[in-house]
Every structure is written in C-alpha cells, then in structure tokens.
Protein backbone atom coordinates (compact mmCIF):
# COMPACT_ATOMS: atom_id res chain seq x y z
CA MET A 1 50.97 0.66 -52.00
CA ALA A 2 51.68 0.04 -48.44
CA PRO A 3 54.30 -2.55 -48.19
CA LEU A 4 52.74 -7.06 -46.84
CA SER A 5 53.37 -8.42 -44.16
CA LEU A 6 54.82 -12.23 -45.24
CA THR A 7 56.42 -14.71 -42.93
CA ILE A 8 58.10 -17.13 -45.92
CA ASN A 9 60.13 -20.13 -44.58
CA GLY A 10 59.94 -18.94 -40.51
CA LYS A 11 61.92 -15.06 -41.67
CA HIS A 12 59.16 -12.03 -41.85
CA TYR A 13 58.97 -9.56 -44.64
CA SER A 14 57.67 -7.09 -46.30
CA ALA A 15 57.44 -6.74 -49.73
CA SER A 16 55.67 -3.59 -51.68
CA VAL A 17 53.37 -5.06 -54.74
CA ASP A 18 50.31 -5.56 -55.93
CA PRO A 19 47.83 -7.53 -53.71
CA GLY A 20 46.15 -9.56 -56.22
CA THR A 21 49.67 -10.34 -57.48
CA PRO A 22 50.68 -14.60 -57.62
CA ILE A 23 52.65 -15.33 -54.40
CA LEU A 24 54.57 -16.62 -57.27
CA TRP A 25 56.10 -13.90 -58.42
CA VAL A 26 56.55 -12.01 -54.95
CA LEU A 27 58.59 -14.78 -53.90
CA ARG A 28 60.79 -15.40 -57.37
CA ASP A 29 61.06 -11.33 -58.30
CA THR A 30 60.54 -9.93 -55.54
CA LEU A 31 62.45 -11.36 -52.31
CA GLY A 32 64.51 -13.85 -54.97
CA LEU A 33 62.92 -16.93 -53.51
CA THR A 34 63.78 -18.73 -56.79
CA GLY A 35 63.07 -22.54 -55.73
CA THR A 36 58.92 -22.73 -56.77
CA LYS A 37 58.73 -22.51 -60.33
CA PHE A 38 56.85 -21.77 -62.93
CA GLY A 39 54.92 -24.07 -65.19
CA CYS A 40 51.64 -23.57 -66.91
CA GLY A 41 50.14 -20.23 -65.42
CA MET A 42 47.00 -22.28 -64.66
CA ALA A 43 47.42 -23.85 -61.52
CA LEU A 44 47.44 -26.94 -63.79
CA CYS A 45 51.16 -28.81 -63.35
CA GLY A 46 51.59 -28.24 -59.71
CA ALA A 47 55.73 -26.88 -60.17
CA CYS A 48 54.78 -23.85 -58.33
CA THR A 49 53.44 -25.59 -55.72
CA ILE A 50 53.84 -23.75 -52.00
CA HIS A 51 52.64 -24.25 -48.22
CA LEU A 52 50.10 -21.91 -47.01
CA ASP A 53 49.78 -22.71 -42.96
CA GLY A 54 51.13 -26.53 -43.86
CA GLU A 55 48.02 -26.62 -47.17
CA ALA A 56 49.68 -27.25 -50.28
CA VAL A 57 48.59 -24.28 -52.95
CA ARG A 58 49.20 -23.26 -56.38
CA SER A 59 50.67 -19.80 -56.10
CA CYS A 60 50.64 -18.74 -59.50
CA MET A 61 47.39 -18.41 -58.87
CA THR A 62 47.08 -17.38 -55.05
CA PRO A 63 46.64 -13.45 -54.60
CA VAL A 64 49.50 -12.26 -52.07
CA SER A 65 47.00 -10.76 -49.97
CA GLU A 66 45.69 -14.58 -49.29
CA ALA A 67 49.07 -15.13 -47.83
CA VAL A 68 49.26 -12.33 -45.61
CA GLY A 69 48.98 -13.61 -41.59
CA LYS A 70 49.78 -17.35 -42.92
CA LYS A 71 52.89 -19.32 -42.85
CA ILE A 72 54.49 -19.91 -46.15
CA THR A 73 56.43 -22.30 -46.29
CA THR A 74 58.59 -22.96 -50.08
CA ILE A 75 61.20 -25.94 -50.34
CA GLU A 76 64.09 -23.21 -49.52
CA GLY A 77 61.70 -23.80 -46.25
CA LEU A 78 61.60 -27.80 -46.13
CA SER A 79 65.49 -28.07 -45.03
CA THR A 80 68.86 -26.28 -45.77
CA ASP A 81 70.54 -29.11 -46.26
CA ARG A 82 68.45 -31.18 -47.50
CA SER A 83 67.93 -33.12 -44.68
CA HIS A 84 64.02 -33.60 -44.83
CA PRO A 85 62.89 -37.47 -45.73
CA LEU A 86 61.81 -36.50 -48.54
CA GLN A 87 64.40 -34.80 -50.21
CA LYS A 88 66.62 -37.69 -48.80
CA ALA A 89 63.99 -40.22 -50.11
CA TRP A 90 64.01 -38.27 -53.81
CA MET A 91 67.91 -38.74 -54.06
CA ALA A 92 67.50 -42.24 -52.70
CA GLN A 93 65.22 -43.40 -56.21
CA GLU A 94 66.44 -41.30 -58.12
CA VAL A 95 63.64 -39.11 -58.84
CA PRO A 96 64.49 -36.68 -60.46
CA GLN A 97 65.25 -36.81 -64.26
CA CYS A 98 65.23 -32.92 -65.32
CA GLY A 99 64.23 -31.55 -62.17
CA TYR A 100 62.13 -28.49 -62.98
CA CYS A 101 59.04 -30.06 -61.73
CA GLN A 102 60.79 -31.54 -58.57
CA SER A 103 59.86 -28.51 -56.56
CA GLY A 104 56.26 -29.10 -56.26
CA GLN A 105 56.14 -32.41 -56.79
CA ILE A 106 58.29 -32.43 -52.83
CA MET A 107 55.98 -29.72 -51.74
CA THR A 108 53.05 -31.80 -52.80
CA ALA A 109 54.11 -34.93 -50.69
CA ALA A 110 55.05 -32.99 -47.52
CA ALA A 111 51.60 -31.80 -47.51
CA LEU A 112 50.68 -35.54 -47.89
CA LEU A 113 52.37 -36.84 -45.06
CA GLN A 114 51.84 -34.48 -42.98
CA LYS A 115 48.20 -34.90 -43.33
CA LYS A 116 49.03 -38.74 -43.52
CA PRO A 117 52.42 -40.48 -42.23
CA HIS A 118 51.59 -43.32 -43.92
CA PRO A 119 49.73 -43.11 -47.25
CA THR A 120 48.64 -46.37 -49.58
CA ASP A 121 49.51 -46.52 -52.59
CA GLU A 122 45.68 -44.81 -54.03
CA GLU A 123 46.62 -41.81 -51.24
CA ILE A 124 49.76 -40.72 -53.22
CA ASP A 125 47.77 -41.07 -56.69
CA ALA A 126 44.98 -38.84 -55.59
CA ALA A 127 46.62 -36.74 -53.82
CA MET A 128 50.01 -36.08 -56.22
CA SER A 129 47.44 -36.15 -59.60
CA GLY A 130 48.10 -32.71 -59.94
CA ASN A 131 51.37 -32.56 -60.42
CA ILE A 132 53.08 -33.20 -64.07
CA CYS A 133 56.25 -34.74 -64.45
CA ARG A 134 56.99 -34.74 -68.19
CA CYS A 135 59.78 -37.55 -67.37
CA GLY A 136 57.95 -39.76 -65.68
CA THR A 137 59.53 -40.53 -62.77
CA TYR A 138 55.69 -40.89 -61.13
CA LEU A 139 56.58 -44.84 -60.12
CA ARG A 140 60.13 -43.75 -58.27
CA ILE A 141 58.38 -40.69 -56.55
CA ARG A 142 55.56 -43.23 -54.70
CA ALA A 143 58.34 -45.20 -54.06
CA ALA A 144 59.84 -42.09 -52.69
CA ILE A 145 56.58 -40.88 -50.70
CA HIS A 146 56.88 -44.79 -49.20
CA GLN A 147 60.48 -44.41 -48.58
CA ALA A 148 59.94 -40.48 -45.92
CA ALA A 149 57.35 -42.15 -44.77
CA LYS A 150 59.13 -44.39 -42.92
CA GLY A 151 61.57 -42.21 -41.63
CA GLY A 152 63.77 -41.73 -44.85
CA ALA A 153 66.42 -44.34 -44.32
CA GLN A 154 66.48 -47.28 -47.23
C-alpha cells in the first residue's frame, strides 16, 4: 500500500494505511496525535471533530483518503500553549468537567467563529447542536464562544 501524504497542523506526515481507514485512527494510532477523541464511532457525538480545510468534520467516519491534499487541523494545531482565544475562554468560563468532549467542542466552535466571528445565541446553538457534553456545560460553552468572539478577555 502506497503511503498517503497528509498535512496536519502545518506539518507533513506520511502514513501507510488503508485509504478507507477513518482519519481518527490514523491521527491517534498511526501518528500519535491523541487530542482528537473517540466518542461514539457514528459521527453523532462530536468528540472526534477536526478541521479539513477549515470545515469541521467528524474524523471517526471520514476516510483518510478524503484528507489527502487538504489542510488538517486538530486540537493540537489550534495552539501549543493554550493561547487560542477559545482555549482561554474555555478556561475562564470553567467549561470542562470531565473534559472528554472538549477537543471536539472547541474544534466545532473554532469553525463557527471562522464563518461567523460574532455569532448569536441561536447561531451558536445550531452550530454546536451536534456536539454532546455528558456533563451538561452547554451554557458555559455558549458563554465561552461569546467571550472568544469578543477577543478572549474577561
């Protein structure tokens, strides 16, 4: 099998995997990028959300072949030191409880803010509706997105 060339978080990688392998497993098991989480395996919970060319996608159901030639961004690619406005807002609003869904939540929120820099509550709720938080921190998530949209300070 020919190695696939991938650009992840601005770095080039080569992975000798079946082209139909979900990119989640290539990231986690082949390349050791474990920030992206496995949740349901059916693209329903959002824990595995990454960006392909800036679009939020569920990596558990996206074959790695769809990522070839695209810019892949994972939670590790937002910031190496937690300085991204969403990460700062997440901490300021004390969003994480168990933390498991947070990388997917943040990646979905980052894609939203790229498209709508100052979203309304309704736009946030619509964009985030596919991301499940078993701890129920949805109001804090919304507040953190608004804070990040205002520049992250508060």
